[in-house]
């Protein structure tokens, strides 16, 4: 049996995974009760998190600061950090500031290919953009889950989600509207050409 792998990402309408400065706050200041309930339900399912080193460092920093504006006090984020995690890194050393995390050295494509064969639970990655672009190109991503926030961050957007990615055809397999203005879109990616 092969475990499924979901690349889960938050995005502005113009394709940025985060923003720098400005007065957006939180999830671009748009999160509401339906989004938060949906996220908690997603992360309440048994699964293993897969993170790159930079995303792990960002989450660990937010957990350490535990600032209200970091979003880490939302129940879904707290639940996410209680899930078992594999952090793919060539620079980090254990133990990590994540309750059940393991550092695995090596190429992410090799690590995730092995985990997909061995894992008895689904795999999910929130963030880790460059790692997930490589996994998509290798055909290891089964679902791309984009939570699209109703903002354009042309001046403050950083981290273009798919910059440098290969070309993909996307089959929409699920969609929903949350809080009247946030779109959750789940696609099955297929390398184009």
Protein backbone atom coordinates (compact mmCIF):
# COMPACT_ATOMS: atom_id res chain seq x y z
CA UNK A 1 0.00 0.00 0.00
CA UNK A 2 1.25 3.46 -0.88
CA UNK A 3 0.48 6.35 1.45
CA UNK A 4 -1.04 9.45 -0.15
CA UNK A 5 0.87 12.74 -0.03
CA UNK A 6 -0.86 16.13 0.18
CA UNK A 7 0.91 19.43 -0.45
CA UNK A 8 -1.17 21.86 1.64
CA UNK A 9 -0.62 25.57 1.11
CA UNK A 10 -2.18 28.94 1.89
CA UNK A 11 -2.11 31.41 -1.02
CA UNK A 12 -3.05 34.93 -1.95
CA UNK A 13 -4.96 35.27 -5.23
CA UNK A 14 -1.72 36.27 -6.96
CA UNK A 15 0.08 33.12 -5.81
CA UNK A 16 2.13 34.19 -2.82
CA UNK A 17 2.52 31.93 0.21
CA UNK A 18 3.20 34.79 2.63
CA UNK A 19 3.62 38.53 2.86
CA UNK A 20 6.20 40.91 4.26
CA UNK A 21 5.09 43.86 6.34
CA UNK A 22 1.85 45.66 5.83
CA UNK A 23 -1.12 45.36 8.13
CA UNK A 24 -2.53 42.01 6.99
CA UNK A 25 -2.18 40.01 10.20
CA UNK A 26 -2.69 36.26 10.60
CA UNK A 27 -3.95 34.52 7.48
CA UNK A 28 -4.09 37.82 5.64
CA UNK A 29 -6.60 38.81 8.36
CA UNK A 30 -9.33 36.75 6.66
CA UNK A 31 -9.59 33.60 8.79
CA UNK A 32 -13.01 32.92 10.22
CA UNK A 33 -14.77 30.15 12.15
CA UNK A 34 -15.47 27.91 9.12
CA UNK A 35 -11.83 27.99 8.02
CA UNK A 36 -10.57 27.31 11.54
CA UNK A 37 -13.04 24.43 12.02
CA UNK A 38 -12.09 22.95 8.64
CA UNK A 39 -8.37 23.15 9.42
CA UNK A 40 -8.88 21.50 12.81
CA UNK A 41 -10.87 18.68 11.16
CA UNK A 42 -8.09 18.16 8.56
CA UNK A 43 -5.39 17.99 11.20
CA UNK A 44 -7.44 15.82 13.56
CA UNK A 45 -7.02 12.92 11.13
CA UNK A 46 -4.14 10.53 11.69
CA UNK A 47 -1.24 11.49 9.40
CA UNK A 48 2.47 12.28 9.30
CA UNK A 49 3.75 15.79 8.61
CA UNK A 50 6.64 16.21 6.17
CA UNK A 51 8.60 19.45 6.50
CA UNK A 52 11.69 20.97 4.97
CA UNK A 53 14.23 22.55 7.31
CA UNK A 54 13.22 26.17 6.62
CA UNK A 55 9.52 25.51 7.24
CA UNK A 56 10.35 23.59 10.39
CA UNK A 57 12.45 26.53 11.63
CA UNK A 58 9.58 28.94 10.91
CA UNK A 59 7.05 26.78 12.79
CA UNK A 60 9.46 26.24 15.70
CA UNK A 61 10.05 30.01 15.93
CA UNK A 62 6.31 30.70 15.95
CA UNK A 63 5.77 28.04 18.61
CA UNK A 64 8.56 29.46 20.76
CA UNK A 65 7.18 32.99 20.56
CA UNK A 66 3.60 31.71 20.90
CA UNK A 67 2.47 35.17 19.88
CA UNK A 68 -1.24 35.59 19.29
CA UNK A 69 -0.59 37.06 15.84
CA UNK A 70 1.58 34.10 14.84
CA UNK A 71 -1.49 31.95 14.27
CA UNK A 72 0.11 29.17 16.31
CA UNK A 73 -2.53 29.46 19.02
CA UNK A 74 -5.24 28.34 16.63
CA UNK A 75 -6.31 24.81 17.62
CA UNK A 76 -5.50 23.36 14.18
CA UNK A 77 -1.91 24.62 14.36
CA UNK A 78 -1.52 23.24 17.86
CA UNK A 79 -2.88 19.91 16.60
CA UNK A 80 -0.51 19.98 13.61
CA UNK A 81 2.48 20.26 15.92
CA UNK A 82 1.30 17.27 17.93
CA UNK A 83 1.35 15.02 14.85
CA UNK A 84 4.41 12.90 14.10
CA UNK A 85 6.72 14.72 11.71
CA UNK A 86 9.62 13.97 9.44
CA UNK A 87 11.91 16.94 8.81
CA UNK A 88 14.07 16.54 5.71
CA UNK A 89 17.31 18.44 6.24
CA UNK A 90 21.03 18.40 5.65
CA UNK A 91 21.66 21.08 8.30
CA UNK A 92 19.45 20.36 11.32
CA UNK A 93 20.45 18.12 14.22
CA UNK A 94 18.01 16.48 16.61
CA UNK A 95 16.37 16.61 18.98
CA UNK A 96 13.91 19.14 17.58
CA UNK A 97 11.45 21.45 19.31
CA UNK A 98 8.51 19.43 17.98
CA UNK A 99 7.04 16.73 20.22
CA UNK A 100 7.34 13.80 17.77
CA UNK A 101 9.73 14.91 15.02
CA UNK A 102 12.61 13.08 13.39
CA UNK A 103 15.31 14.62 11.23
CA UNK A 104 16.04 12.57 8.12
CA UNK A 105 19.07 13.39 6.01
CA UNK A 106 19.03 12.96 2.28
CA UNK A 107 17.27 14.12 -0.83
CA UNK A 108 13.58 14.89 -0.20
CA UNK A 109 12.53 12.92 -3.28
CA UNK A 110 14.25 9.77 -1.98
CA UNK A 111 12.99 10.28 1.59
CA UNK A 112 9.37 10.85 0.57
CA UNK A 113 9.39 7.99 -1.97
CA UNK A 114 10.49 5.68 0.85
CA UNK A 115 7.94 7.11 3.31
CA UNK A 116 5.12 6.69 0.79
CA UNK A 117 6.00 2.97 0.59
CA UNK A 118 6.44 2.47 4.33
CA UNK A 119 3.86 4.74 5.99
CA UNK A 120 0.58 3.33 7.18
CA UNK A 121 -0.91 6.84 7.45
CA UNK A 122 -1.28 9.64 4.88
CA UNK A 123 1.53 12.19 4.51
CA UNK A 124 0.90 15.96 4.53
CA UNK A 125 3.14 18.98 4.16
CA UNK A 126 2.05 22.52 4.99
CA UNK A 127 4.45 24.94 3.34
CA UNK A 128 7.94 23.73 2.38
CA UNK A 129 7.63 25.27 -1.07
CA UNK A 130 10.90 24.28 -2.77
CA UNK A 131 10.73 20.76 -1.35
CA UNK A 132 7.17 20.30 -2.59
CA UNK A 133 7.96 21.67 -6.05
CA UNK A 134 10.67 18.97 -6.32
CA UNK A 135 8.27 16.30 -5.04
CA UNK A 136 5.65 17.38 -7.59
CA UNK A 137 8.19 17.18 -10.41
CA UNK A 138 9.06 13.65 -9.25
CA UNK A 139 5.40 12.62 -9.31
CA UNK A 140 5.18 12.06 -5.55
CA UNK A 141 2.41 14.58 -4.74
CA UNK A 142 -1.06 13.04 -4.94
CA UNK A 143 -3.03 16.14 -3.96
CA UNK A 144 -2.36 19.86 -3.99
CA UNK A 145 -4.62 21.57 -1.47
CA UNK A 146 -4.67 25.33 -1.98
CA UNK A 147 -6.53 27.53 0.48
CA UNK A 148 -7.00 30.70 -1.51
CA UNK A 149 -7.44 33.91 0.46
CA UNK A 150 -9.24 36.88 -1.14
CA UNK A 151 -6.26 39.23 -1.26
CA UNK A 152 -3.73 40.43 -3.81
CA UNK A 153 -0.30 41.02 -2.32
CA UNK A 154 1.44 42.62 -5.29
CA UNK A 155 3.46 44.96 -3.05
CA UNK A 156 4.02 42.78 0.01
CA UNK A 157 3.86 39.20 -1.32
CA UNK A 158 6.86 36.94 -0.77
CA UNK A 159 7.40 33.27 -1.46
CA UNK A 160 5.77 32.74 -4.87
CA UNK A 161 4.38 29.24 -4.42
CA UNK A 162 5.05 27.80 -7.85
CA UNK A 163 8.00 29.94 -9.05
CA UNK A 164 10.33 27.64 -10.95
CA UNK A 165 7.93 24.69 -10.80
CA UNK A 166 7.40 22.35 -13.72
CA UNK A 167 4.17 22.59 -15.77
CA UNK A 168 1.21 20.60 -14.43
CA UNK A 169 -2.32 19.81 -15.45
CA UNK A 170 -4.63 19.96 -12.44
CA UNK A 171 -7.79 17.93 -12.00
CA UNK A 172 -10.13 19.55 -9.48
CA UNK A 173 -11.28 16.79 -7.13
CA UNK A 174 -12.84 18.87 -4.35
CA UNK A 175 -13.73 22.50 -3.60
CA UNK A 176 -15.50 24.46 -0.91
CA UNK A 177 -16.09 28.05 0.15
CA UNK A 178 -15.28 28.91 3.75
CA UNK A 179 -16.50 31.97 5.63
CA UNK A 180 -18.12 33.26 2.43
CA UNK A 181 -14.86 34.32 0.73
CA UNK A 182 -12.03 31.76 1.17
CA UNK A 183 -11.73 29.00 -1.42
CA UNK A 184 -10.32 25.59 -0.63
CA UNK A 185 -9.33 23.84 -3.85
CA UNK A 186 -7.99 20.30 -3.94
CA UNK A 187 -6.34 19.13 -7.16
CA UNK A 188 -4.71 15.99 -8.48
CA UNK A 189 -1.54 17.15 -10.29
CA UNK A 190 -0.19 15.50 -13.43
CA UNK A 191 3.08 16.58 -15.01
CA UNK A 192 2.25 18.26 -18.33
CA UNK A 193 3.84 16.93 -21.46
